[in-house]
Amino acid sequence: MDNYFDASYTRIDIPARISPQLLESIQKKCSNCIKEMDSDYVLDMQKVANLYSATLALIMHIYKLVCLMKGSLSMVNVNENVARALMSLRIDEKIPHYESLWDYELEKAGARAMSA
C-alpha cells in the first residue's frame, strides 16, 4: 500500500486470522518493528474481516509495546464489523481507527498544520 504524504510512521499488516499456536511468533515479529521512541505506528487491518481473540491479543500486545515506547498507535482499513467490535470493547477509546490510510494521513497532516 502506498503512503500518500510521508512515511513518518511504521505500518504493520495484521493477518486475516491468527491461530493461537502462531500468536507468539507473530507477536515477536511485530515487537521487532517497534523500536523507536516517540514514533507513530499504524496497524493495517485490511485483511481482518472479524475480530477474533488471537487478533485482539496481538493488537493489545502491540498497544502495550507502543505505550512503553511513548509512541502513538492507530488502525487503518477497519471494516464495519471490526469497528463495531472495537467500540463494544471500548478499544476505540485508546486506539483510534480510520476507514482508510488516506483518512489517517489527512488527519495527521491536518494536525501537523495546526501545530505549526
Protein backbone atom coordinates (compact mmCIF):
# COMPACT_ATOMS: atom_id res chain seq x y z
CA MET A 1 0.00 0.00 0.00
CA ASP A 2 1.23 3.48 -0.80
CA ASN A 3 1.94 6.24 1.67
CA TYR A 4 0.12 9.34 0.49
CA PHE A 5 2.03 12.08 2.28
CA ASP A 6 5.18 10.92 4.02
CA ALA A 7 6.41 7.74 5.63
CA SER A 8 6.77 9.20 9.11
CA TYR A 9 5.12 6.14 10.62
CA THR A 10 5.61 2.39 10.63
CA ARG A 11 2.80 0.33 9.10
CA ILE A 12 2.20 -3.17 10.48
CA ASP A 13 -0.01 -5.53 8.49
CA ILE A 14 -2.34 -7.61 10.65
CA PRO A 15 -3.10 -11.10 9.25
CA ALA A 16 -6.67 -12.04 8.34
CA ARG A 17 -6.82 -14.71 11.02
CA ILE A 18 -4.26 -15.75 13.60
CA SER A 19 -4.14 -19.24 15.04
CA PRO A 20 -3.39 -19.35 18.77
CA GLN A 21 -0.36 -21.54 18.00
CA LEU A 22 1.19 -18.82 15.84
CA LEU A 23 0.30 -15.86 18.07
CA GLU A 24 3.59 -15.79 19.97
CA SER A 25 5.75 -15.86 16.84
CA ILE A 26 3.65 -13.10 15.22
CA GLN A 27 3.93 -11.04 18.42
CA LYS A 28 7.72 -11.38 18.27
CA LYS A 29 7.80 -10.24 14.63
CA CYS A 30 5.68 -7.21 15.50
CA SER A 31 7.83 -6.45 18.54
CA ASN A 32 10.86 -6.21 16.24
CA CYS A 33 9.09 -3.41 14.33
CA ILE A 34 8.52 -1.34 17.46
CA LYS A 35 11.92 0.04 18.38
CA GLU A 36 11.91 3.82 18.17
CA MET A 37 10.81 6.13 20.96
CA ASP A 38 8.03 8.64 20.19
CA SER A 39 7.19 7.02 16.85
CA ASP A 40 3.85 6.61 15.12
CA TYR A 41 2.64 3.09 14.33
CA VAL A 42 -0.29 2.12 12.15
CA LEU A 43 -1.98 -1.28 12.16
CA ASP A 44 -3.27 -2.11 8.69
CA MET A 45 -6.46 -4.11 9.30
CA GLN A 46 -7.33 -4.54 5.62
CA LYS A 47 -7.29 -8.36 5.78
CA VAL A 48 -9.25 -8.58 9.06
CA ALA A 49 -12.95 -9.26 8.47
CA ASN A 50 -13.84 -10.20 12.07
CA LEU A 51 -12.11 -9.60 15.39
CA TYR A 52 -11.12 -12.90 17.00
CA SER A 53 -9.41 -13.38 20.36
CA ALA A 54 -5.93 -14.03 18.93
CA THR A 55 -6.15 -10.92 16.75
CA LEU A 56 -7.30 -8.93 19.76
CA ALA A 57 -4.39 -10.33 21.80
CA LEU A 58 -1.96 -9.23 19.07
CA ILE A 59 -3.45 -5.73 18.93
CA MET A 60 -3.22 -5.32 22.70
CA HIS A 61 0.37 -6.67 22.71
CA ILE A 62 1.34 -4.06 20.12
CA TYR A 63 -0.56 -1.34 22.00
CA LYS A 64 1.32 -2.15 25.21
CA LEU A 65 4.71 -2.02 23.46
CA VAL A 66 3.92 1.26 21.70
CA CYS A 67 2.82 2.80 25.01
CA LEU A 68 6.09 1.70 26.64
CA MET A 69 7.97 3.40 23.80
CA LYS A 70 5.81 6.54 24.27
CA GLY A 71 4.60 6.28 20.68
CA SER A 72 1.18 6.52 19.10
CA LEU A 73 -0.90 3.72 17.60
CA SER A 74 -3.76 3.89 15.10
CA MET A 75 -5.62 1.39 12.95
CA VAL A 76 -6.46 1.86 9.27
CA ASN A 77 -8.65 0.00 6.80
CA VAL A 78 -11.01 -1.03 9.58
CA ASN A 79 -14.21 -2.54 8.24
CA GLU A 80 -17.63 -2.09 9.84
CA ASN A 81 -17.65 -5.44 11.71
CA VAL A 82 -14.28 -4.80 13.29
CA ALA A 83 -15.17 -1.18 14.09
CA ARG A 84 -18.29 -2.35 15.96
CA ALA A 85 -16.26 -4.91 17.91
CA LEU A 86 -13.66 -2.27 18.81
CA MET A 87 -16.41 0.07 20.03
CA SER A 88 -18.15 -2.63 22.07
CA LEU A 89 -14.85 -3.48 23.77
CA ARG A 90 -14.08 0.25 24.13
CA ILE A 91 -10.73 -0.22 22.42
CA ASP A 92 -11.57 2.62 20.05
CA GLU A 93 -11.18 4.94 23.06
CA LYS A 94 -7.47 4.04 23.27
CA ILE A 95 -6.62 3.24 19.65
CA PRO A 96 -8.19 5.49 17.01
CA HIS A 97 -9.26 3.78 13.82
CA TYR A 98 -9.79 5.01 10.28
CA GLU A 99 -11.57 3.60 7.28
CA SER A 100 -8.51 4.11 5.11
CA LEU A 101 -4.85 5.04 5.19
CA TRP A 102 -5.82 8.19 3.29
CA ASP A 103 -8.14 9.27 6.15
CA TYR A 104 -5.37 8.67 8.70
CA GLU A 105 -2.81 10.64 6.71
CA LEU A 106 -5.23 13.51 6.09
CA GLU A 107 -5.93 13.84 9.80
CA LYS A 108 -2.24 13.59 10.62
CA ALA A 109 -1.36 16.25 8.02
CA GLY A 110 -4.12 18.49 9.39
CA ALA A 111 -2.87 18.12 12.95
CA ARG A 112 0.69 18.92 11.83
CA ALA A 113 -0.50 22.03 10.00
CA MET A 114 -2.46 23.24 13.03
CA SER A 115 0.53 22.81 15.35
CA ALA A 116 2.84 24.74 13.03
